[in-house]
């Protein structure tokens, strides 16, 4: 086997193992060790390469950033099981239910609020599917619209902080979790607004699909309704500020914010008298399962990436993607199409651990801001939850939906929201300030390649003997310097 072919064959071998249905963590580790053995036998790799593995695994275990994953997972599970979602849906449904499409607006609003407090897609989709879907069906909502709104609103937990996938992406890219959270806030809220816009369009074009609730469905009015809104809304809003506010203000790290959030969730459950030993046990067990799942994949991806780099796989990927026509824009288009297709088959954790380490060096070389690039990928990977027929949010909803809601209704209901997410990806590429405008140190999304080339051209002309394009007379440094700054700002 030629050494030059080992990298593409190794990547193809990983794809084969994944398509055969083997667990991702073991597929990554086995592929890495298999090709390490082949490379050592072939003489193209040194046995000393594998001596770096123990240190890398220990580095993963001692990574304090990853501690935020169990904290936020535990917080979300406690809140979901303490009845917060049920109280919120009932209260917001009372407020918006009388207007056309009101229950759908309530689901989107509560989905965004749950995303900012739980960060767990499964918890959001299951809670809203169990609580709101029967109510929407009872009042004549279209099965497709109801299913689509619930599934899409649940996926907001992936992009609205404190999202678990943003923690993983920040760790894989070597960037700040706090910057990722700030950068993802506006796109996440923008998606929620776009979902509401689609409901508005449906309520106008097809009013029978999203009717208003009859007067008898409203049981709270006036002061009683206002008191209910305050008691249901204030605790989660306080928790959101406790977690995200302290992170954005720089008072706490994401790990410390997660710890405060987990503590706050326990306090809220105690206040509602919903905290029991069995609930606590279930939350701890589920948190341990999720954390173990992530850590095993991370260890497997470390084995794979170490050997992949040993066979110059990073150079192969860089040459493959870095020489695409169109420069950075061509790279972004190809990568997003590739991620969109992979999302049909792979979970977002799997995409983050397999693809992101390969794409990050190329993005850095092209001068793409990593926070902006990571948020862009996160919005794209969010479609993995809604892709028919393999979207996990669709599976979650199918497991709790009544038999009268057909599987095809869930699939067709999700398609408009997948289109909205694709449009958001295009908007982030076209208007980078959607992300970077919220991150202080990243004023430009693509700031390296074009700016560097422009700087070389201008400074080369400045050092030449004469005015650019002529000979004999030196230009004034102040004017040339200001011209460089002016043109760089346009990049």
Protein backbone atom coordinates (compact mmCIF):
# COMPACT_ATOMS: atom_id res chain seq x y z
CA UNK A 1 0.00 0.00 0.00
CA UNK A 2 1.40 3.38 -1.02
CA UNK A 3 1.92 5.80 1.87
CA UNK A 4 0.18 8.56 -0.12
CA UNK A 5 -2.97 6.44 -0.32
CA UNK A 6 -3.16 5.54 3.38
CA UNK A 7 -5.04 8.69 4.43
CA UNK A 8 -7.95 8.39 1.92
CA UNK A 9 -8.15 4.61 2.48
CA UNK A 10 -8.21 5.15 6.26
CA UNK A 11 -11.04 7.68 5.96
CA UNK A 12 -12.95 5.37 3.62
CA UNK A 13 -12.46 2.50 6.10
CA UNK A 14 -14.02 4.60 8.87
CA UNK A 15 -17.02 5.34 6.65
CA UNK A 16 -17.46 1.62 5.92
CA UNK A 17 -17.43 0.73 9.63
CA UNK A 18 -19.98 3.45 10.38
CA UNK A 19 -22.28 2.31 7.55
CA UNK A 20 -22.07 -1.26 8.86
CA UNK A 21 -23.62 0.02 12.09
CA UNK A 22 -20.73 -0.36 14.51
CA UNK A 23 -20.64 2.11 17.44
CA UNK A 24 -18.93 5.34 16.49
CA UNK A 25 -16.44 5.37 19.39
CA UNK A 26 -15.22 1.83 18.66
CA UNK A 27 -15.19 2.42 14.89
CA UNK A 28 -12.93 5.44 15.36
CA UNK A 29 -10.56 3.69 17.77
CA UNK A 30 -10.40 0.43 15.79
CA UNK A 31 -9.77 2.20 12.48
CA UNK A 32 -6.98 4.21 14.07
CA UNK A 33 -5.29 1.21 15.68
CA UNK A 34 -5.74 -0.94 12.55
CA UNK A 35 -4.00 1.55 10.29
CA UNK A 36 -1.37 2.24 12.93
CA UNK A 37 -0.55 -1.47 12.83
CA UNK A 38 -0.52 -1.47 9.04
CA UNK A 39 1.72 1.60 8.96
CA UNK A 40 4.17 0.13 11.50
CA UNK A 41 4.29 -3.19 9.63
CA UNK A 42 4.76 -1.32 6.36
CA UNK A 43 7.56 0.75 7.89
CA UNK A 44 5.90 4.11 7.17
CA UNK A 45 5.02 4.79 10.84
CA UNK A 46 7.09 4.57 13.98
CA UNK A 47 5.91 2.61 17.02
CA UNK A 48 6.76 5.69 19.11
CA UNK A 49 3.70 7.40 17.58
CA UNK A 50 1.39 5.38 19.84
CA UNK A 51 3.30 6.50 22.93
CA UNK A 52 1.44 9.82 22.66
CA UNK A 53 -1.93 8.10 23.22
CA UNK A 54 -1.87 7.79 27.03
CA UNK A 55 -0.98 11.45 27.44
CA UNK A 56 -3.76 12.48 25.06
CA UNK A 57 -6.36 10.38 26.87
CA UNK A 58 -5.27 11.79 30.22
CA UNK A 59 -5.51 15.26 28.72
CA UNK A 60 -9.13 14.58 27.80
CA UNK A 61 -9.94 13.37 31.30
CA UNK A 62 -8.36 16.44 32.89
CA UNK A 63 -10.04 18.94 30.53
CA UNK A 64 -12.08 21.20 32.83
CA UNK A 65 -14.11 22.62 29.92
CA UNK A 66 -15.74 19.23 29.34
CA UNK A 67 -17.04 19.27 32.92
CA UNK A 68 -19.74 21.64 31.68
CA UNK A 69 -21.36 18.73 29.77
CA UNK A 70 -22.50 16.71 32.83
CA UNK A 71 -23.49 19.91 34.67
CA UNK A 72 -25.76 21.18 31.88
CA UNK A 73 -27.13 17.70 31.18
CA UNK A 74 -28.02 17.21 34.84
CA UNK A 75 -29.60 20.66 35.00
CA UNK A 76 -31.78 19.95 31.97
CA UNK A 77 -32.93 16.56 33.21
CA UNK A 78 -33.87 17.89 36.65
CA UNK A 79 -35.86 20.77 35.12
CA UNK A 80 -37.59 18.52 32.60
CA UNK A 81 -38.65 16.04 35.29
CA UNK A 82 -39.70 18.74 37.76
CA UNK A 83 -42.61 19.84 35.58
CA UNK A 84 -41.25 23.20 34.45
CA UNK A 85 -42.05 22.52 30.78
CA UNK A 86 -45.63 21.58 31.62
CA UNK A 87 -46.18 24.76 33.67
CA UNK A 88 -44.67 26.95 30.96
CA UNK A 89 -46.67 25.41 28.12
CA UNK A 90 -49.92 25.66 30.04
CA UNK A 91 -49.27 29.28 31.06
CA UNK A 92 -48.07 30.55 27.67
CA UNK A 93 -50.90 28.62 26.01
CA UNK A 94 -53.36 30.58 28.15
CA UNK A 95 -51.76 33.84 27.01
CA UNK A 96 -51.52 33.15 23.26
CA UNK A 97 -54.20 30.49 22.80
CA UNK A 98 -57.00 32.83 21.73
CA UNK A 99 -55.16 34.15 18.64
CA UNK A 100 -54.83 32.17 15.44
CA UNK A 101 -51.78 29.92 15.69
CA UNK A 102 -51.41 30.86 19.36
CA UNK A 103 -50.59 27.37 20.60
CA UNK A 104 -47.86 27.04 17.98
CA UNK A 105 -46.39 30.38 19.09
CA UNK A 106 -46.51 29.13 22.67
CA UNK A 107 -44.61 25.96 21.70
CA UNK A 108 -41.89 28.02 19.95
CA UNK A 109 -41.60 30.44 22.87
CA UNK A 110 -41.38 27.65 25.42
CA UNK A 111 -38.97 25.72 23.18
CA UNK A 112 -36.61 28.69 23.14
CA UNK A 113 -36.95 29.11 26.91
CA UNK A 114 -36.33 25.41 27.54
CA UNK A 115 -33.32 25.56 25.21
CA UNK A 116 -31.84 28.34 27.33
CA UNK A 117 -32.37 26.37 30.53
CA UNK A 118 -31.96 22.70 29.61
CA UNK A 119 -29.69 22.54 26.56
CA UNK A 120 -30.95 18.98 25.89
CA UNK A 121 -32.90 18.33 22.67
CA UNK A 122 -34.46 15.03 23.76
CA UNK A 123 -35.86 16.55 26.95
CA UNK A 124 -37.43 19.49 25.08
CA UNK A 125 -39.00 17.42 22.29
CA UNK A 126 -40.36 14.72 24.59
CA UNK A 127 -41.79 17.22 27.08
CA UNK A 128 -43.54 19.31 24.44
CA UNK A 129 -44.66 16.25 22.49
CA UNK A 130 -46.30 14.75 25.56
CA UNK A 131 -47.90 17.98 26.75
CA UNK A 132 -48.74 20.18 23.78
CA UNK A 133 -49.35 17.78 20.87
CA UNK A 134 -52.61 16.32 22.29
CA UNK A 135 -53.86 19.85 23.05
CA UNK A 136 -53.06 21.11 19.54
CA UNK A 137 -54.80 18.11 18.01
CA UNK A 138 -57.83 18.62 20.25
CA UNK A 139 -58.28 22.19 18.99
CA UNK A 140 -57.98 21.30 15.30
CA UNK A 141 -54.35 22.08 14.46
CA UNK A 142 -52.87 20.38 11.41
CA UNK A 143 -50.90 17.26 12.35
CA UNK A 144 -48.07 18.31 10.07
CA UNK A 145 -47.79 21.82 11.47
CA UNK A 146 -48.07 20.59 15.07
CA UNK A 147 -45.40 17.93 14.61
CA UNK A 148 -43.07 20.27 12.71
CA UNK A 149 -43.33 23.07 15.26
CA UNK A 150 -42.71 20.75 18.22
CA UNK A 151 -39.73 18.97 16.63
CA UNK A 152 -38.13 22.19 15.34
CA UNK A 153 -38.62 24.07 18.61
CA UNK A 154 -37.01 21.21 20.50
CA UNK A 155 -33.89 21.42 18.32
CA UNK A 156 -33.31 25.01 19.45
CA UNK A 157 -31.61 23.43 22.46
CA UNK A 158 -28.68 22.65 20.16
CA UNK A 159 -27.94 26.24 19.12
CA UNK A 160 -29.28 28.45 21.93
CA UNK A 161 -26.80 28.51 24.85
CA UNK A 162 -26.11 26.53 27.01
CA UNK A 163 -25.89 24.06 24.12
CA UNK A 164 -23.84 20.89 24.61
CA UNK A 165 -22.74 20.84 20.98
CA UNK A 166 -21.26 24.34 21.33
CA UNK A 167 -19.13 23.11 24.24
CA UNK A 168 -17.88 20.20 22.12
CA UNK A 169 -17.18 22.43 19.10
CA UNK A 170 -15.31 24.96 21.23
CA UNK A 171 -13.20 22.17 22.72
CA UNK A 172 -12.43 20.64 19.32
CA UNK A 173 -11.53 24.01 17.79
CA UNK A 174 -9.53 25.22 20.78
CA UNK A 175 -11.75 28.30 21.17
CA UNK A 176 -13.60 29.90 24.08
CA UNK A 177 -16.96 28.38 25.04
CA UNK A 178 -18.11 31.82 26.20
CA UNK A 179 -17.38 33.28 22.74
CA UNK A 180 -19.30 30.43 21.12
CA UNK A 181 -22.25 31.13 23.42
CA UNK A 182 -22.24 34.83 22.57
CA UNK A 183 -21.90 34.16 18.86
CA UNK A 184 -24.74 31.60 18.78
CA UNK A 185 -27.27 33.68 20.72
CA UNK A 186 -28.57 35.83 17.84
CA UNK A 187 -28.73 32.97 15.26
CA UNK A 188 -30.61 30.83 17.81
CA UNK A 189 -33.15 33.52 18.62
CA UNK A 190 -33.35 34.34 14.89
CA UNK A 191 -34.32 30.74 14.14
CA UNK A 192 -37.07 30.92 16.76
CA UNK A 193 -38.36 34.14 15.15
CA UNK A 194 -38.28 32.49 11.69
CA UNK A 195 -40.27 29.53 13.02
CA UNK A 196 -42.88 31.96 14.36
CA UNK A 197 -42.89 33.69 10.97
CA UNK A 198 -43.69 30.38 9.26
CA UNK A 199 -46.57 29.79 11.68
CA UNK A 200 -47.87 33.29 10.87
CA UNK A 201 -47.73 32.55 7.14
CA UNK A 202 -49.56 29.26 7.64
CA UNK A 203 -52.23 30.90 9.80
CA UNK A 204 -52.90 33.42 7.01
CA UNK A 205 -52.62 31.15 3.97
CA UNK A 206 -54.26 28.10 5.58
CA UNK A 207 -56.18 29.32 8.65
CA UNK A 208 -57.77 25.93 9.31
CA UNK A 209 -54.30 24.50 10.01
CA UNK A 210 -53.71 26.83 12.98
CA UNK A 211 -57.00 27.96 14.52
CA UNK A 212 -57.41 29.96 17.69
CA UNK A 213 -58.59 28.18 20.82
CA UNK A 214 -62.27 28.52 21.77
CA UNK A 215 -63.08 30.82 24.74
CA UNK A 216 -63.92 27.88 26.98
CA UNK A 217 -60.34 26.63 26.67
CA UNK A 218 -59.09 29.66 28.61
CA UNK A 219 -59.45 29.23 32.35
CA UNK A 220 -57.28 32.09 33.63
CA UNK A 221 -57.94 35.82 33.21
CA UNK A 222 -56.77 39.16 34.58
CA UNK A 223 -54.82 39.08 37.83
CA UNK A 224 -54.87 35.29 38.08
CA UNK A 225 -53.28 34.99 34.63
CA UNK A 226 -50.68 37.69 35.43
CA UNK A 227 -49.76 35.93 38.69
CA UNK A 228 -49.45 32.61 36.87
CA UNK A 229 -47.19 34.17 34.22
CA UNK A 230 -44.95 35.70 36.88
CA UNK A 231 -44.63 32.55 38.96
CA UNK A 232 -43.96 30.39 35.87
CA UNK A 233 -41.62 32.79 34.07
CA UNK A 234 -39.47 34.34 36.78
CA UNK A 235 -37.72 31.14 38.05
CA UNK A 236 -36.46 30.01 34.61
CA UNK A 237 -35.47 33.58 33.68
CA UNK A 238 -33.49 33.87 36.91
CA UNK A 239 -31.82 30.55 36.13
CA UNK A 240 -30.98 31.73 32.59
CA UNK A 241 -29.32 34.85 33.99
CA UNK A 242 -27.57 32.79 36.64
CA UNK A 243 -26.05 30.58 33.96
CA UNK A 244 -25.66 32.69 30.80
CA UNK A 245 -25.52 36.13 32.40
CA UNK A 246 -22.56 35.23 34.58
CA UNK A 247 -20.78 33.65 31.60
CA UNK A 248 -21.38 36.62 29.28
CA UNK A 249 -20.35 39.11 31.98
CA UNK A 250 -17.14 37.19 32.58
CA UNK A 251 -18.00 36.47 36.21
CA UNK A 252 -18.00 32.69 35.73
CA UNK A 253 -16.51 30.18 33.32
CA UNK A 254 -18.92 27.89 31.41
CA UNK A 255 -18.05 25.06 33.80
CA UNK A 256 -18.80 27.25 36.83
CA UNK A 257 -21.98 28.47 35.15
CA UNK A 258 -23.03 24.86 34.59
CA UNK A 259 -22.42 24.08 38.24
CA UNK A 260 -24.57 27.05 39.29
CA UNK A 261 -27.25 25.97 36.84
CA UNK A 262 -27.32 22.43 38.25
CA UNK A 263 -27.61 23.85 41.77
CA UNK A 264 -30.35 26.24 40.66
CA UNK A 265 -32.28 23.39 39.03
CA UNK A 266 -32.21 21.43 42.29
CA UNK A 267 -33.44 24.52 44.20
CA UNK A 268 -36.30 25.02 41.69
CA UNK A 269 -37.30 21.36 41.95
CA UNK A 270 -37.26 21.61 45.75
CA UNK A 271 -39.40 24.76 45.61
CA UNK A 272 -41.97 22.93 43.47
CA UNK A 273 -41.77 19.93 45.83
CA UNK A 274 -40.95 17.74 42.83
CA UNK A 275 -37.49 16.60 43.91
CA UNK A 276 -37.43 12.99 45.06
CA UNK A 277 -34.79 10.36 45.50
CA UNK A 278 -35.99 8.44 42.44
CA UNK A 279 -35.94 11.60 40.27
CA UNK A 280 -32.44 12.42 41.46
CA UNK A 281 -31.28 8.86 40.75
CA UNK A 282 -32.73 8.92 37.22
CA UNK A 283 -31.11 12.27 36.46
CA UNK A 284 -27.71 11.11 37.74
CA UNK A 285 -27.86 7.86 35.76
CA UNK A 286 -28.90 9.63 32.54
CA UNK A 287 -26.17 12.24 33.04
CA UNK A 288 -23.56 9.51 33.53
CA UNK A 289 -24.73 7.76 30.34
CA UNK A 290 -24.58 10.94 28.26
CA UNK A 291 -21.18 11.96 29.63
CA UNK A 292 -19.75 8.47 29.07
CA UNK A 293 -21.11 8.49 25.53
CA UNK A 294 -19.36 11.78 24.77
CA UNK A 295 -16.09 10.80 26.44
CA UNK A 296 -15.87 7.43 24.66
CA UNK A 297 -16.38 9.11 21.28
CA UNK A 298 -13.78 11.73 22.20
CA UNK A 299 -11.22 9.08 23.16
CA UNK A 300 -11.95 7.15 19.95
CA UNK A 301 -11.61 10.30 17.84
CA UNK A 302 -8.29 11.04 19.55
CA UNK A 303 -6.93 7.63 18.52
CA UNK A 304 -8.18 8.13 14.97
CA UNK A 305 -6.88 11.70 14.61
CA UNK A 306 -3.42 10.81 15.99
CA UNK A 307 -2.89 8.06 13.41
CA UNK A 308 -4.61 10.07 10.67
CA UNK A 309 -2.14 12.89 11.19
CA UNK A 310 0.67 10.33 11.30
CA UNK A 311 -0.20 9.25 7.74
CA UNK A 312 -0.41 12.92 6.67
CA UNK A 313 -4.20 12.84 6.55
CA UNK A 314 -4.36 16.48 7.67
CA UNK A 315 -2.24 17.48 4.66
CA UNK A 316 -4.46 15.40 2.37
CA UNK A 317 -7.62 17.12 3.67
CA UNK A 318 -5.94 20.53 3.51
CA UNK A 319 -4.92 19.96 -0.12
CA UNK A 320 -8.36 18.56 -0.97
CA UNK A 321 -10.34 21.45 0.53
CA UNK A 322 -7.79 24.27 0.48
CA UNK A 323 -7.42 24.22 -3.31
CA UNK A 324 -11.13 24.45 -4.08
CA UNK A 325 -12.12 27.16 -6.58
CA UNK A 326 -13.48 30.27 -4.92
CA UNK A 327 -11.11 30.32 -1.96
CA UNK A 328 -12.78 30.66 1.42
CA UNK A 329 -16.29 30.98 -0.05
CA UNK A 330 -15.83 27.82 -2.13
CA UNK A 331 -14.57 26.01 0.95
CA UNK A 332 -17.58 27.15 3.00
CA UNK A 333 -20.07 26.07 0.34
CA UNK A 334 -18.53 22.60 -0.09
CA UNK A 335 -18.18 22.05 3.66
CA UNK A 336 -21.76 23.06 4.40
CA UNK A 337 -23.14 20.84 1.65
CA UNK A 338 -21.02 17.96 2.99
CA UNK A 339 -22.17 18.53 6.61
CA UNK A 340 -25.80 18.77 5.45
CA UNK A 341 -25.51 15.40 3.69
CA UNK A 342 -23.65 13.74 6.59
CA UNK A 343 -26.39 14.95 8.93
CA UNK A 344 -28.76 12.50 7.24
CA UNK A 345 -26.76 9.62 8.69
CA UNK A 346 -24.66 10.85 11.62
CA UNK A 347 -25.49 12.39 14.98
CA UNK A 348 -24.18 15.90 15.66
CA UNK A 349 -21.69 14.59 18.24
CA UNK A 350 -20.30 12.20 15.64
CA UNK A 351 -19.96 14.97 13.05
CA UNK A 352 -18.28 17.23 15.62
CA UNK A 353 -15.72 14.62 16.64
CA UNK A 354 -14.97 13.23 13.16
CA UNK A 355 -15.19 16.18 10.76
CA UNK A 356 -14.44 19.30 12.81
CA UNK A 357 -10.81 18.34 13.67
CA UNK A 358 -10.19 17.81 9.95
CA UNK A 359 -11.85 21.07 8.85
CA UNK A 360 -10.44 23.42 11.50
CA UNK A 361 -6.82 23.59 10.20
CA UNK A 362 -8.06 24.36 6.67
CA UNK A 363 -10.38 27.08 8.00
CA UNK A 364 -7.49 28.61 9.96
CA UNK A 365 -5.25 28.62 6.90
CA UNK A 366 -7.96 30.37 4.87
CA UNK A 367 -8.25 33.03 7.60
CA UNK A 368 -11.78 32.08 8.72
CA UNK A 369 -12.69 33.10 12.27
CA UNK A 370 -13.18 29.88 14.23
CA UNK A 371 -16.03 31.15 16.42
CA UNK A 372 -18.00 32.22 13.35
CA UNK A 373 -17.14 28.96 11.56
CA UNK A 374 -18.15 26.87 14.59
CA UNK A 375 -21.53 28.59 14.97
CA UNK A 376 -22.12 28.17 11.23
CA UNK A 377 -21.45 24.43 11.53
CA UNK A 378 -23.66 24.21 14.64
CA UNK A 379 -26.64 25.71 12.78
CA UNK A 380 -26.00 23.33 9.88
CA UNK A 381 -25.65 20.30 12.19
CA UNK A 382 -28.93 21.27 13.82
CA UNK A 383 -30.62 19.95 10.69
CA UNK A 384 -29.42 16.46 11.70
CA UNK A 385 -32.27 16.39 14.21
CA UNK A 386 -34.92 17.20 11.58
CA UNK A 387 -33.75 15.34 8.47
CA UNK A 388 -36.36 12.79 7.39
CA UNK A 389 -36.13 9.87 7.81
CA UNK A 390 -33.26 9.72 10.36
CA UNK A 391 -33.75 12.90 12.39
CA UNK A 392 -33.47 12.15 16.11
CA UNK A 393 -36.07 14.79 17.03
CA UNK A 394 -38.50 13.02 14.69
CA UNK A 395 -37.78 9.72 16.44
CA UNK A 396 -38.32 11.32 19.85
CA UNK A 397 -41.64 12.81 18.73
CA UNK A 398 -42.75 9.55 17.09
CA UNK A 399 -42.20 7.73 20.40
CA UNK A 400 -44.71 9.95 22.25
CA UNK A 401 -47.12 10.94 19.46
CA UNK A 402 -50.53 9.23 19.30
CA UNK A 403 -51.15 6.69 16.55
CA UNK A 404 -53.48 9.13 14.75
CA UNK A 405 -50.38 11.19 13.87
CA UNK A 406 -48.79 9.33 10.99
CA UNK A 407 -45.03 9.10 10.56
CA UNK A 408 -45.30 10.83 7.18
CA UNK A 409 -47.09 13.74 8.89
CA UNK A 410 -44.06 14.17 11.14
CA UNK A 411 -41.67 13.96 8.17
CA UNK A 412 -43.58 16.43 5.99
CA UNK A 413 -44.08 18.76 8.93
CA UNK A 414 -40.32 18.94 9.52
CA UNK A 415 -39.34 19.82 5.93
CA UNK A 416 -40.26 23.56 6.05
CA UNK A 417 -38.22 23.97 9.22
CA UNK A 418 -35.23 22.23 7.63
CA UNK A 419 -35.51 24.78 4.81
CA UNK A 420 -35.56 27.61 7.38
CA UNK A 421 -32.37 26.27 8.95
CA UNK A 422 -30.68 26.08 5.54
CA UNK A 423 -31.68 29.70 4.91
CA UNK A 424 -30.15 30.66 8.26
CA UNK A 425 -26.89 29.00 7.20
CA UNK A 426 -26.94 31.09 4.01
CA UNK A 427 -27.74 34.24 6.03
CA UNK A 428 -24.77 33.67 8.37
CA UNK A 429 -22.44 33.32 5.36
CA UNK A 430 -23.91 36.40 3.66
CA UNK A 431 -24.06 38.51 6.84
CA UNK A 432 -21.26 37.38 9.19
CA UNK A 433 -22.08 40.10 11.72
CA UNK A 434 -25.05 37.98 12.80
CA UNK A 435 -22.41 36.00 14.71
CA UNK A 436 -19.31 38.16 14.94
CA UNK A 437 -21.23 41.29 15.90
CA UNK A 438 -21.82 39.63 19.26
CA UNK A 439 -18.17 38.61 19.83
CA UNK A 440 -15.78 41.42 20.71
CA UNK A 441 -12.52 39.95 19.42
CA UNK A 442 -13.87 38.73 16.05
CA UNK A 443 -14.91 41.76 13.94
CA UNK A 444 -14.58 39.85 10.64
CA UNK A 445 -15.55 36.31 9.73
CA UNK A 446 -12.99 35.84 6.95
CA UNK A 447 -10.02 37.89 7.89
CA UNK A 448 -6.82 36.12 6.93
CA UNK A 449 -6.27 35.22 3.30
CA UNK A 450 -7.59 38.26 1.48
CA UNK A 451 -6.33 40.70 4.09
CA UNK A 452 -2.84 39.19 4.11
CA UNK A 453 -2.61 39.25 0.32
CA UNK A 454 -3.80 42.84 0.24
CA UNK A 455 -1.24 43.82 2.89
CA UNK A 456 1.59 42.20 0.91
CA UNK A 457 0.59 43.99 -2.29
CA UNK A 458 0.27 47.40 -0.68
CA UNK A 459 3.41 47.20 1.45
CA UNK A 460 5.34 45.90 -1.55
CA UNK A 461 4.28 48.92 -3.56
CA UNK A 462 5.12 51.23 -0.66
CA UNK A 463 8.67 49.86 -0.41
CA UNK A 464 9.22 50.30 -4.17
CA UNK A 465 11.17 53.40 -5.27
CA UNK A 466 8.39 55.72 -6.17
CA UNK A 467 4.67 56.18 -6.16
CA UNK A 468 2.82 52.93 -6.91
CA UNK A 469 2.89 52.45 -10.62
CA UNK A 470 5.63 55.07 -11.22
CA UNK A 471 9.32 55.52 -10.52
CA UNK A 472 11.52 58.06 -8.79
CA UNK A 473 9.40 59.62 -6.07
CA UNK A 474 8.69 58.00 -2.70
CA UNK A 475 5.10 58.00 -1.44
CA UNK A 476 4.20 59.52 1.89
CA UNK A 477 4.12 56.84 4.59
CA UNK A 478 1.13 58.34 6.36
CA UNK A 479 -1.03 58.19 3.26
CA UNK A 480 0.00 54.62 2.43
CA UNK A 481 -0.58 53.49 6.00
CA UNK A 482 -4.04 54.98 6.09
CA UNK A 483 -4.80 53.42 2.71
CA UNK A 484 -3.80 50.00 4.04
CA UNK A 485 -6.04 50.42 7.07
CA UNK A 486 -8.92 51.67 4.91
CA UNK A 487 -8.72 48.74 2.51
CA UNK A 488 -8.23 46.19 5.28
CA UNK A 489 -11.41 47.41 6.95
CA UNK A 490 -13.24 46.69 3.69
CA UNK A 491 -12.14 43.03 3.76
